[in-house]
C-alpha atoms as a PDB file:
ATOM      1  CA  MET A   1     123.224 104.627  82.159  1.00  0.00           C
ATOM      2  CA  GLU A   2     123.623 107.864  80.213  1.00  0.00           C
ATOM      3  CA  ILE A   3     120.509 109.843  79.334  1.00  0.00           C
ATOM      4  CA  ALA A   4     120.645 112.841  77.018  1.00  0.00           C
ATOM      5  CA  ILE A   5     118.152 115.618  77.735  1.00  0.00           C
ATOM      6  CA  ILE A   6     117.357 118.295  75.196  1.00  0.00           C
ATOM      7  CA  ALA A   7     114.492 120.784  75.069  1.00  0.00           C
ATOM      8  CA  HIS A   8     113.599 123.518  72.644  1.00  0.00           C
ATOM      9  CA  ASP A   9     113.197 126.946  74.234  1.00  0.00           C
ATOM     10  CA  GLY A  10     109.432 126.643  74.676  1.00  0.00           C
ATOM     11  CA  LYS A  11     109.844 123.243  76.329  1.00  0.00           C
ATOM     12  CA  LYS A  12     112.699 123.866  78.788  1.00  0.00           C
ATOM     13  CA  THR A  13     110.380 124.529  81.741  1.00  0.00           C
ATOM     14  CA  GLU A  14     108.477 121.360  80.880  1.00  0.00           C
ATOM     15  CA  MET A  15     111.746 119.386  80.844  1.00  0.00           C
ATOM     16  CA  VAL A  16     112.789 120.724  84.248  1.00  0.00           C
ATOM     17  CA  GLN A  17     109.367 119.883  85.679  1.00  0.00           C
ATOM     18  CA  PHE A  18     109.566 116.396  84.189  1.00  0.00           C
ATOM     19  CA  LEU A  19     112.968 115.809  85.788  1.00  0.00           C
ATOM     20  CA  MET A  20     111.716 117.118  89.133  1.00  0.00           C
ATOM     21  CA  ASP A  21     108.740 114.729  88.937  1.00  0.00           C
ATOM     22  CA  PHE A  22     111.121 111.798  88.433  1.00  0.00           C
ATOM     23  CA  LYS A  23     114.020 113.030  90.560  1.00  0.00           C
ATOM     24  CA  ALA A  24     113.809 110.100  92.970  1.00  0.00           C
ATOM     25  CA  THR A  25     114.025 107.599  90.107  1.00  0.00           C
ATOM     26  CA  ILE A  26     116.891 109.438  88.442  1.00  0.00           C
ATOM     27  CA  LEU A  27     118.859 109.748  91.659  1.00  0.00           C
ATOM     28  CA  ALA A  28     118.162 106.162  92.770  1.00  0.00           C
ATOM     29  CA  LYS A  29     119.573 104.709  89.560  1.00  0.00           C
ATOM     30  CA  ASP A  30     123.112 105.091  88.309  1.00  0.00           C
ATOM     31  CA  ILE A  31     122.091 107.699  85.714  1.00  0.00           C
ATOM     32  CA  THR A  32     124.389 110.272  84.167  1.00  0.00           C
ATOM     33  CA  LEU A  33     122.645 113.216  82.533  1.00  0.00           C
ATOM     34  CA  ILE A  34     124.083 114.984  79.496  1.00  0.00           C
ATOM     35  CA  SER A  35     122.464 117.853  77.653  1.00  0.00           C
ATOM     36  CA  THR A  36     122.775 120.646  75.203  1.00  0.00           C
ATOM     37  CA  GLY A  37     124.086 123.852  76.744  1.00  0.00           C
ATOM     38  CA  THR A  38     121.041 125.959  77.469  1.00  0.00           C
ATOM     39  CA  THR A  39     118.885 123.038  78.576  1.00  0.00           C
ATOM     40  CA  GLY A  40     121.726 121.995  80.876  1.00  0.00           C
ATOM     41  CA  LYS A  41     121.833 125.423  82.518  1.00  0.00           C
ATOM     42  CA  HIS A  42     118.127 125.190  83.358  1.00  0.00           C
ATOM     43  CA  VAL A  43     118.521 121.653  84.693  1.00  0.00           C
ATOM     44  CA  GLU A  44     121.518 122.645  86.850  1.00  0.00           C
ATOM     45  CA  LYS A  45     119.495 125.466  88.399  1.00  0.00           C
ATOM     46  CA  ALA A  46     116.969 122.813  89.435  1.00  0.00           C
ATOM     47  CA  GLY A  47     119.720 120.982  91.331  1.00  0.00           C
ATOM     48  CA  PHE A  48     120.720 118.243  88.910  1.00  0.00           C
ATOM     49  CA  ILE A  49     124.269 117.370  87.927  1.00  0.00           C
ATOM     50  CA  VAL A  50     124.545 117.420  84.156  1.00  0.00           C
ATOM     51  CA  THR A  51     127.365 117.420  81.621  1.00  0.00           C
ATOM     52  CA  LYS A  52     126.658 120.227  79.176  1.00  0.00           C
ATOM     53  CA  TYR A  53     127.635 120.294  75.518  1.00  0.00           C
ATOM     54  CA  LEU A  54     127.186 123.169  73.100  1.00  0.00           C
ATOM     55  CA  SER A  55     123.821 124.813  72.641  1.00  0.00           C
ATOM     56  CA  GLY A  56     121.728 123.038  69.985  1.00  0.00           C
ATOM     57  CA  PRO A  57     122.102 125.645  67.225  1.00  0.00           C
ATOM     58  CA  TYR A  58     125.878 125.711  67.810  1.00  0.00           C
ATOM     59  CA  GLY A  59     126.375 121.959  67.458  1.00  0.00           C
ATOM     60  CA  GLY A  60     125.116 120.470  70.715  1.00  0.00           C
ATOM     61  CA  ASP A  61     122.569 118.245  68.987  1.00  0.00           C
ATOM     62  CA  ALA A  62     125.350 116.966  66.715  1.00  0.00           C
ATOM     63  CA  GLN A  63     127.636 116.335  69.704  1.00  0.00           C
ATOM     64  CA  ILE A  64     124.959 114.242  71.387  1.00  0.00           C
ATOM     65  CA  ALA A  65     124.275 112.450  68.091  1.00  0.00           C
ATOM     66  CA  GLY A  66     127.969 111.548  68.055  1.00  0.00           C
ATOM     67  CA  ARG A  67     127.658 110.004  71.524  1.00  0.00           C
ATOM     68  CA  VAL A  68     124.656 108.003  70.319  1.00  0.00           C
ATOM     69  CA  ALA A  69     126.675 106.747  67.328  1.00  0.00           C
ATOM     70  CA  GLU A  70     129.586 105.822  69.624  1.00  0.00           C
ATOM     71  CA  GLY A  71     127.288 103.771  71.865  1.00  0.00           C
ATOM     72  CA  LYS A  72     127.795 106.034  74.889  1.00  0.00           C
ATOM     73  CA  THR A  73     124.231 107.348  75.251  1.00  0.00           C
ATOM     74  CA  ASP A  74     121.512 104.898  76.271  1.00  0.00           C
ATOM     75  CA  MET A  75     118.402 107.070  75.998  1.00  0.00           C
ATOM     76  CA  VAL A  76     117.421 110.466  74.587  1.00  0.00           C
ATOM     77  CA  LEU A  77     114.674 112.690  75.979  1.00  0.00           C
ATOM     78  CA  PHE A  78     114.184 115.496  73.471  1.00  0.00           C
ATOM     79  CA  PHE A  79     111.185 117.710  74.201  1.00  0.00           C
ATOM     80  CA  ARG A  80     110.675 119.247  70.773  1.00  0.00           C
ATOM     81  CA  ASP A  81     108.543 122.212  69.844  1.00  0.00           C
ATOM     82  CA  PRO A  82     106.771 120.804  66.783  1.00  0.00           C
ATOM     83  CA  LEU A  83     105.282 124.178  65.867  1.00  0.00           C
ATOM     84  CA  GLY A  84     108.490 126.217  65.905  1.00  0.00           C
ATOM     85  CA  MET A  85     111.099 126.813  63.241  1.00  0.00           C
ATOM     86  CA  HIS A  86     114.586 125.684  64.215  1.00  0.00           C
ATOM     87  CA  PRO A  87     117.731 126.706  62.323  1.00  0.00           C
ATOM     88  CA  HIS A  88     119.463 123.489  63.381  1.00  0.00           C
ATOM     89  CA  GLU A  89     116.742 121.169  62.027  1.00  0.00           C
ATOM     90  CA  PRO A  90     119.282 119.075  60.058  1.00  0.00           C
ATOM     91  CA  ASP A  91     121.120 118.292  63.318  1.00  0.00           C
ATOM     92  CA  ILE A  92     117.833 117.369  64.994  1.00  0.00           C
ATOM     93  CA  ALA A  93     116.928 115.060  62.116  1.00  0.00           C
ATOM     94  CA  MET A  94     120.393 113.486  62.279  1.00  0.00           C
ATOM     95  CA  LEU A  95     120.061 112.835  66.022  1.00  0.00           C
ATOM     96  CA  MET A  96     116.657 111.235  65.579  1.00  0.00           C
ATOM     97  CA  ARG A  97     117.899 109.127  62.660  1.00  0.00           C
ATOM     98  CA  LEU A  98     120.904 107.919  64.651  1.00  0.00           C
ATOM     99  CA  CYS A  99     118.653 106.935  67.551  1.00  0.00           C
ATOM    100  CA  ASP A 100     116.738 104.765  65.086  1.00  0.00           C
ATOM    101  CA  VAL A 101     119.895 103.367  63.471  1.00  0.00           C
ATOM    102  CA  HIS A 102     121.452 102.448  66.829  1.00  0.00           C
ATOM    103  CA  ASP A 103     118.174 101.358  68.471  1.00  0.00           C
ATOM    104  CA  ILE A 104     118.325 104.028  71.179  1.00  0.00           C
ATOM    105  CA  PRO A 105     115.048 104.856  72.944  1.00  0.00           C
ATOM    106  CA  LEU A 106     113.946 108.399  72.031  1.00  0.00           C
ATOM    107  CA  ALA A 107     111.116 110.349  73.635  1.00  0.00           C
ATOM    108  CA  THR A 108     110.005 113.610  72.062  1.00  0.00           C
ATOM    109  CA  ASN A 109     107.253 114.400  74.560  1.00  0.00           C
ATOM    110  CA  PRO A 110     106.639 113.978  78.301  1.00  0.00           C
ATOM    111  CA  ALA A 111     104.166 111.102  77.937  1.00  0.00           C
ATOM    112  CA  THR A 112     106.687 108.942  76.087  1.00  0.00           C
ATOM    113  CA  ALA A 113     109.527 110.067  78.366  1.00  0.00           C
ATOM    114  CA  GLU A 114     107.506 108.968  81.387  1.00  0.00           C
ATOM    115  CA  LEU A 115     107.069 105.478  79.931  1.00  0.00           C
ATOM    116  CA  LEU A 116     110.809 105.247  79.273  1.00  0.00           C
ATOM    117  CA  ILE A 117     111.838 106.464  82.732  1.00  0.00           C
ATOM    118  CA  LYS A 118     109.378 104.116  84.432  1.00  0.00           C
ATOM    119  CA  SER A 119     110.874 101.212  82.467  1.00  0.00           C
ATOM    120  CA  ILE A 120     114.365 101.574  83.983  1.00  0.00           C
END
């Protein structure tokens, strides 16, 4: 199972904490983590193995959207900052749309992510 993890700057710490809280589940399952570049760096520092793509504003969201469209990614955890302005908003919207088109579970906050992780 491939899970994409993405977090806006103000949510990166929250993403790392979330992953630490569910580390046993993630490690016990056959889960491959992929992420945008900067989020991936934070997650690696916490001890996780993750395949990093470009940073979100440089195309990382679009790269992950491509994996969703190709049927390679099974779940997306994207901790968004709903109050911030993001220059790559079109890529974010595309990723979310493709998750809907391809029926890929998408969590945009820790509460929903927890429900998804507990379901696997």
